[in-house]
Amino acid sequence: MDRRKFLASVGGASALAVMSASQKADALEQAMSAELETRVVKSPICNNYGFGQPPVVRGGKLTKYFHMGHDPRLPLMSDKPTLVEFFDKRLGSVQHLLQSARLAKINGLPEKMVLACLLHDIGVGGLLRTDHGFWGAQLIEPYVDEEVTWAIRHHQSLRFYADEDVGYPYPEAYIRFFGPDFVPEEYIRQDAEYARNHKWYMSARQICINDVYSFDPNVTVEIGDFEDIIGRNFKQPAEGLGYDKSPSAHMWRSIIFPNNFL
C-alpha cells in the first residue's frame, strides 16, 4: 500500500507515532480494506466484540458489496490445500512451530512426537490463542494419531506446571509474560491434574519440554525439512484440507477464507 495514503488515513505521521502496535496494525488493515472494491468485516471475536472498526451506519446506502471468497491481500490457496501450503500461506507463529519441531528431532523423539511439536500451536497460528490446545487438537484430529491430538490438547495446561524430574522447570518467559503471581484458571489446574495421571502424560510433557520461547537467530528452519515426517504421519485428504467433509473441515475453510462476511 502507498505509504502516503496510509499516513493520510490515520491523520499524519504524528498521529501514527502515538499509536500502539495493535492500533497501527488495525489502522493498516482498515486502510488496506478501503483499497478493495468490497468491504471486509472482521469476525466479532477479532474486534473485541465490535470495538475496533468504524460503527456500521444504519440505513446508509450500500456503496460496496461485503467481501466473500478469496481475500486479495492474502496468497491464493490451491483447490486442494495441503498442510504444507497452510504453513506457507496462512499460519502465523511458523518459526516457533518449526524450531520446536527441530528441537524435538534433535532430541531424538519419535516422528509422531516431532509432528506434535510441529503442530502444537497451530491453534494460535491459524485460529485463536484462547484454549489453543483444544482448537489445535480439534483442527488436526481427523488426520493424525490419537496420541498426537491428546498431547497437543493437554500441553495447554501442563505448560503452567513444572516437573523438574523430567526436565521441565516453570518457564522464565511466563514470569515475564504474566507476572510472578499469576495463577492459572481452575479448569487449567484440573486439566493438568488429569493429564499428569494419564498414560500419555509424557507425550504432552515432551511438547512443553521442546517448546521454544526464544528463537535461535543463527538457525533457519523450513517446513520442507519436515515434509517426509508429515507425509508418513499426517493423513492428507485427497480433496484437500477444508473440502473433505471431515468434522474439522469447516475450521480449515475458516483459515482459507478468514475475512468472509458470512
Protein backbone atom coordinates (compact mmCIF):
# COMPACT_ATOMS: atom_id res chain seq x y z
CA MET A 1 0.00 0.00 0.00
CA ASP A 2 1.15 3.56 -0.72
CA ARG A 3 2.71 4.98 2.47
CA ARG A 4 1.39 8.50 1.84
CA LYS A 5 -2.16 7.24 1.54
CA PHE A 6 -1.78 5.27 4.76
CA LEU A 7 -0.40 8.24 6.69
CA ALA A 8 -3.25 10.43 5.40
CA SER A 9 -5.80 7.82 6.52
CA VAL A 10 -4.58 7.95 10.15
CA GLY A 11 -4.13 11.72 10.37
CA GLY A 12 -0.45 12.01 9.53
CA ALA A 13 2.91 10.83 10.87
CA SER A 14 2.41 12.49 14.28
CA ALA A 15 -0.84 10.61 14.85
CA LEU A 16 0.79 7.34 13.79
CA ALA A 17 3.68 7.91 16.20
CA VAL A 18 1.44 7.86 19.30
CA MET A 19 -0.44 4.70 18.28
CA SER A 20 0.25 1.34 19.92
CA ALA A 21 1.45 -1.55 17.78
CA SER A 22 -2.04 -3.05 17.86
CA GLN A 23 -3.64 0.23 16.81
CA LYS A 24 -1.17 0.58 13.94
CA ALA A 25 -1.94 -2.95 12.74
CA ASP A 26 -5.69 -2.30 12.86
CA ALA A 27 -5.29 1.03 11.07
CA LEU A 28 -3.20 -0.56 8.32
CA GLU A 29 -5.70 -3.37 7.83
CA GLN A 30 -8.56 -0.88 7.67
CA ALA A 31 -6.70 1.25 5.13
CA MET A 32 -5.90 -1.79 3.02
CA SER A 33 -9.54 -2.86 3.13
CA ALA A 34 -10.57 0.58 1.87
CA GLU A 35 -8.45 -0.05 -1.22
CA LEU A 36 -10.53 -3.08 -2.14
CA GLU A 37 -13.67 -2.95 -4.21
CA THR A 38 -15.51 -4.79 -1.46
CA ARG A 39 -15.98 -4.21 2.27
CA VAL A 40 -14.14 -6.55 4.64
CA VAL A 41 -15.71 -7.07 8.06
CA LYS A 42 -13.75 -8.93 10.73
CA SER A 43 -15.28 -11.56 12.95
CA PRO A 44 -16.55 -10.00 16.21
CA ILE A 45 -14.11 -12.09 18.22
CA CYS A 46 -11.25 -10.40 16.34
CA ASN A 47 -12.75 -6.99 17.02
CA ASN A 48 -13.22 -7.26 20.78
CA TYR A 49 -16.92 -7.88 20.20
CA GLY A 50 -17.48 -4.96 17.87
CA PHE A 51 -14.90 -2.46 19.11
CA GLY A 52 -12.03 -1.82 16.74
CA GLN A 53 -13.62 -0.85 13.46
CA PRO A 54 -15.89 2.05 12.44
CA PRO A 55 -19.51 1.62 13.57
CA VAL A 56 -22.00 0.48 10.95
CA VAL A 57 -24.23 3.34 9.85
CA ARG A 58 -27.78 2.04 9.90
CA GLY A 59 -29.89 2.92 6.91
CA GLY A 60 -26.92 4.18 4.94
CA LYS A 61 -26.59 3.47 1.23
CA LEU A 62 -24.58 0.36 0.44
CA THR A 63 -21.73 1.63 -1.74
CA LYS A 64 -19.69 -1.57 -1.68
CA TYR A 65 -20.52 -5.24 -1.56
CA PHE A 66 -19.44 -7.19 1.50
CA HIS A 67 -16.36 -9.31 0.98
CA MET A 68 -16.81 -13.01 0.18
CA GLY A 69 -14.34 -15.53 -1.22
CA HIS A 70 -10.62 -15.07 -1.68
CA ASP A 71 -9.14 -12.02 0.02
CA PRO A 72 -6.69 -10.50 -2.48
CA ARG A 73 -4.48 -9.32 0.39
CA LEU A 74 -3.62 -12.97 1.09
CA PRO A 75 -1.84 -15.58 -1.04
CA LEU A 76 -4.26 -17.62 -3.11
CA MET A 77 -4.76 -21.18 -1.85
CA SER A 78 -4.92 -24.09 -4.29
CA ASP A 79 -8.06 -26.10 -4.99
CA LYS A 80 -6.76 -28.94 -2.81
CA PRO A 81 -4.80 -27.31 0.04
CA THR A 82 -2.17 -29.30 1.90
CA LEU A 83 -0.77 -28.87 5.40
CA VAL A 84 2.49 -27.55 3.95
CA GLU A 85 0.52 -24.99 1.94
CA PHE A 86 -1.18 -23.73 5.09
CA PHE A 87 2.27 -23.26 6.65
CA ASP A 88 3.38 -21.29 3.61
CA LYS A 89 0.30 -19.15 3.07
CA ARG A 90 -1.85 -18.85 6.19
CA LEU A 91 -0.33 -19.79 9.55
CA GLY A 92 1.31 -17.35 11.93
CA SER A 93 3.94 -18.26 14.57
CA VAL A 94 5.53 -20.53 11.96
CA GLN A 95 9.12 -20.15 13.16
CA HIS A 96 8.05 -21.05 16.69
CA LEU A 97 6.49 -24.27 15.40
CA LEU A 98 9.40 -25.09 13.12
CA GLN A 99 12.07 -24.51 15.75
CA SER A 100 10.15 -26.54 18.34
CA ALA A 101 9.91 -29.44 15.89
CA ARG A 102 13.59 -29.09 15.06
CA LEU A 103 14.49 -29.33 18.75
CA ALA A 104 12.27 -32.40 19.17
CA LYS A 105 14.03 -34.02 16.22
CA ILE A 106 17.46 -33.22 17.65
CA ASN A 107 16.35 -34.71 20.97
CA GLY A 108 15.52 -37.99 19.24
CA LEU A 109 11.76 -38.04 19.73
CA PRO A 110 9.65 -40.43 17.63
CA GLU A 111 8.31 -38.99 14.38
CA LYS A 112 4.76 -38.60 15.62
CA MET A 113 6.00 -36.54 18.55
CA VAL A 114 8.09 -34.37 16.22
CA LEU A 115 4.83 -33.83 14.32
CA ALA A 116 3.07 -32.99 17.59
CA CYS A 117 5.70 -30.33 18.31
CA LEU A 118 5.38 -29.04 14.75
CA LEU A 119 1.62 -28.62 15.20
CA HIS A 120 1.30 -27.90 18.92
CA ASP A 121 0.42 -24.21 18.49
CA ILE A 122 -1.41 -24.47 15.17
CA GLY A 123 -4.48 -23.20 17.03
CA VAL A 124 -2.59 -19.98 17.78
CA GLY A 125 -1.23 -19.60 14.28
CA GLY A 126 -4.48 -20.39 12.50
CA LEU A 127 -7.43 -19.71 14.76
CA LEU A 128 -7.40 -18.49 18.38
CA ARG A 129 -4.95 -18.07 21.23
CA THR A 130 -7.58 -18.84 23.88
CA ASP A 131 -7.75 -22.60 24.59
CA HIS A 132 -5.39 -23.05 21.66
CA GLY A 133 -4.53 -26.62 22.63
CA PHE A 134 -8.16 -27.64 22.22
CA TRP A 135 -8.67 -25.70 18.98
CA GLY A 136 -5.47 -27.09 17.51
CA ALA A 137 -6.23 -30.67 18.52
CA GLN A 138 -9.72 -30.48 17.04
CA LEU A 139 -8.36 -28.98 13.83
CA ILE A 140 -5.98 -31.86 13.12
CA GLU A 141 -7.81 -34.73 14.85
CA PRO A 142 -9.09 -36.48 11.69
CA TYR A 143 -5.60 -36.62 10.21
CA VAL A 144 -3.19 -37.76 12.92
CA ASP A 145 -2.68 -40.43 15.56
CA GLU A 146 -4.89 -40.04 18.63
CA GLU A 147 -1.85 -39.66 20.87
CA VAL A 148 -0.77 -36.59 18.91
CA THR A 149 -4.07 -34.78 19.41
CA TRP A 150 -4.20 -35.76 23.08
CA ALA A 151 -0.72 -34.39 23.63
CA ILE A 152 -1.49 -31.13 21.85
CA ARG A 153 -4.74 -30.69 23.75
CA HIS A 154 -3.12 -31.19 27.16
CA HIS A 155 0.17 -29.38 26.67
CA GLN A 156 -2.01 -26.28 27.08
CA SER A 157 -2.48 -26.95 30.80
CA LEU A 158 0.73 -28.82 31.62
CA ARG A 159 2.98 -25.96 30.47
CA PHE A 160 1.91 -23.94 33.53
CA TYR A 161 3.13 -26.62 35.96
CA ALA A 162 6.77 -27.54 36.39
CA ASP A 163 8.02 -31.13 36.51
CA GLU A 164 11.70 -30.88 37.38
CA ASP A 165 12.07 -34.69 37.45
CA VAL A 166 11.58 -34.87 33.68
CA GLY A 167 13.44 -31.65 32.87
CA TYR A 168 10.66 -29.11 32.74
CA PRO A 169 11.07 -26.07 35.02
CA TYR A 170 8.46 -23.34 35.05
CA PRO A 171 9.32 -21.15 32.03
CA GLU A 172 11.01 -17.86 32.88
CA ALA A 173 9.17 -16.44 29.88
CA TYR A 174 5.86 -16.93 31.69
CA ILE A 175 7.07 -14.79 34.59
CA ARG A 176 7.81 -12.03 32.05
CA PHE A 177 4.55 -12.59 30.20
CA PHE A 178 2.10 -12.98 33.08
CA GLY A 179 3.90 -11.81 36.22
CA PRO A 180 5.35 -13.74 39.19
CA ASP A 181 1.98 -14.09 40.93
CA PHE A 182 -0.01 -15.49 38.03
CA VAL A 183 -2.26 -18.42 38.92
CA PRO A 184 -3.97 -20.33 36.07
CA GLU A 185 -7.74 -20.73 35.97
CA GLU A 186 -9.21 -23.66 37.87
CA TYR A 187 -10.10 -25.56 34.69
CA ILE A 188 -6.43 -25.40 33.68
CA ARG A 189 -5.39 -26.88 37.02
CA GLN A 190 -7.95 -29.67 36.70
CA ASP A 191 -6.86 -30.50 33.15
CA ALA A 192 -3.21 -30.61 34.23
CA GLU A 193 -4.03 -32.93 37.14
CA TYR A 194 -5.93 -35.24 34.80
CA ALA A 195 -3.10 -35.22 32.26
CA ARG A 196 -0.48 -35.87 34.95
CA ASN A 197 -2.04 -39.29 35.62
CA HIS A 198 -2.70 -40.29 32.01
CA LYS A 199 -0.77 -42.92 30.04
CA TRP A 200 0.23 -40.26 27.50
CA TYR A 201 1.41 -37.75 30.06
CA MET A 202 4.99 -37.73 28.77
CA SER A 203 3.80 -37.14 25.21
CA ALA A 204 2.14 -33.88 26.23
CA ARG A 205 5.04 -33.04 28.52
CA GLN A 206 7.52 -33.53 25.66
CA ILE A 207 5.73 -30.75 23.80
CA CYS A 208 6.34 -28.50 26.81
CA ILE A 209 9.99 -29.56 27.07
CA ASN A 210 10.61 -28.86 23.39
CA ASP A 211 8.60 -25.63 23.30
CA VAL A 212 10.91 -22.84 22.11
CA TYR A 213 10.32 -19.49 23.82
CA SER A 214 13.15 -17.65 22.09
CA PHE A 215 14.34 -18.28 18.55
CA ASP A 216 17.90 -19.10 17.61
CA PRO A 217 18.74 -16.30 15.15
CA ASN A 218 21.51 -18.39 13.65
CA VAL A 219 19.16 -21.20 12.63
CA THR A 220 16.91 -21.26 9.58
CA VAL A 221 14.18 -23.89 9.59
CA GLU A 222 11.84 -24.53 6.67
CA ILE A 223 8.62 -26.53 6.54
CA GLY A 224 10.28 -28.56 3.78
CA ASP A 225 12.59 -30.01 6.43
CA PHE A 226 9.59 -31.94 7.78
CA GLU A 227 7.80 -32.97 4.58
CA ASP A 228 8.82 -36.61 4.97
CA ILE A 229 7.57 -36.74 8.56
CA ILE A 230 4.33 -35.05 7.53
CA GLY A 231 3.93 -37.50 4.65
CA ARG A 232 4.28 -40.51 6.94
CA ASN A 233 2.26 -39.20 9.88
CA PHE A 234 -0.37 -36.76 8.55
CA LYS A 235 -3.26 -38.17 6.50
CA GLN A 236 -3.58 -35.55 3.81
CA PRO A 237 -7.10 -35.82 2.30
CA ALA A 238 -7.23 -36.21 -1.49
CA GLU A 239 -9.91 -33.50 -1.68
CA GLY A 240 -7.72 -31.02 0.18
CA LEU A 241 -7.94 -29.74 3.75
CA GLY A 242 -11.26 -27.95 4.11
CA TYR A 243 -13.05 -29.88 1.38
CA ASP A 244 -13.05 -33.47 2.63
CA LYS A 245 -16.20 -33.21 4.80
CA SER A 246 -14.27 -34.16 7.94
CA PRO A 247 -15.51 -32.92 11.36
CA SER A 248 -12.92 -30.13 11.20
CA ALA A 249 -13.18 -29.21 7.51
CA HIS A 250 -15.07 -26.02 8.41
CA MET A 251 -12.14 -24.93 10.59
CA TRP A 252 -9.68 -25.26 7.71
CA ARG A 253 -12.08 -23.32 5.45
CA SER A 254 -12.20 -20.56 8.06
CA ILE A 255 -8.42 -20.26 7.74
CA ILE A 256 -8.63 -20.29 3.93
CA PHE A 257 -11.32 -17.57 3.91
CA PRO A 258 -10.73 -15.72 7.22
CA ASN A 259 -12.47 -12.47 6.20
CA ASN A 260 -15.70 -13.70 4.64
CA PHE A 261 -18.71 -11.65 5.75
CA LEU A 262 -20.81 -14.83 6.23
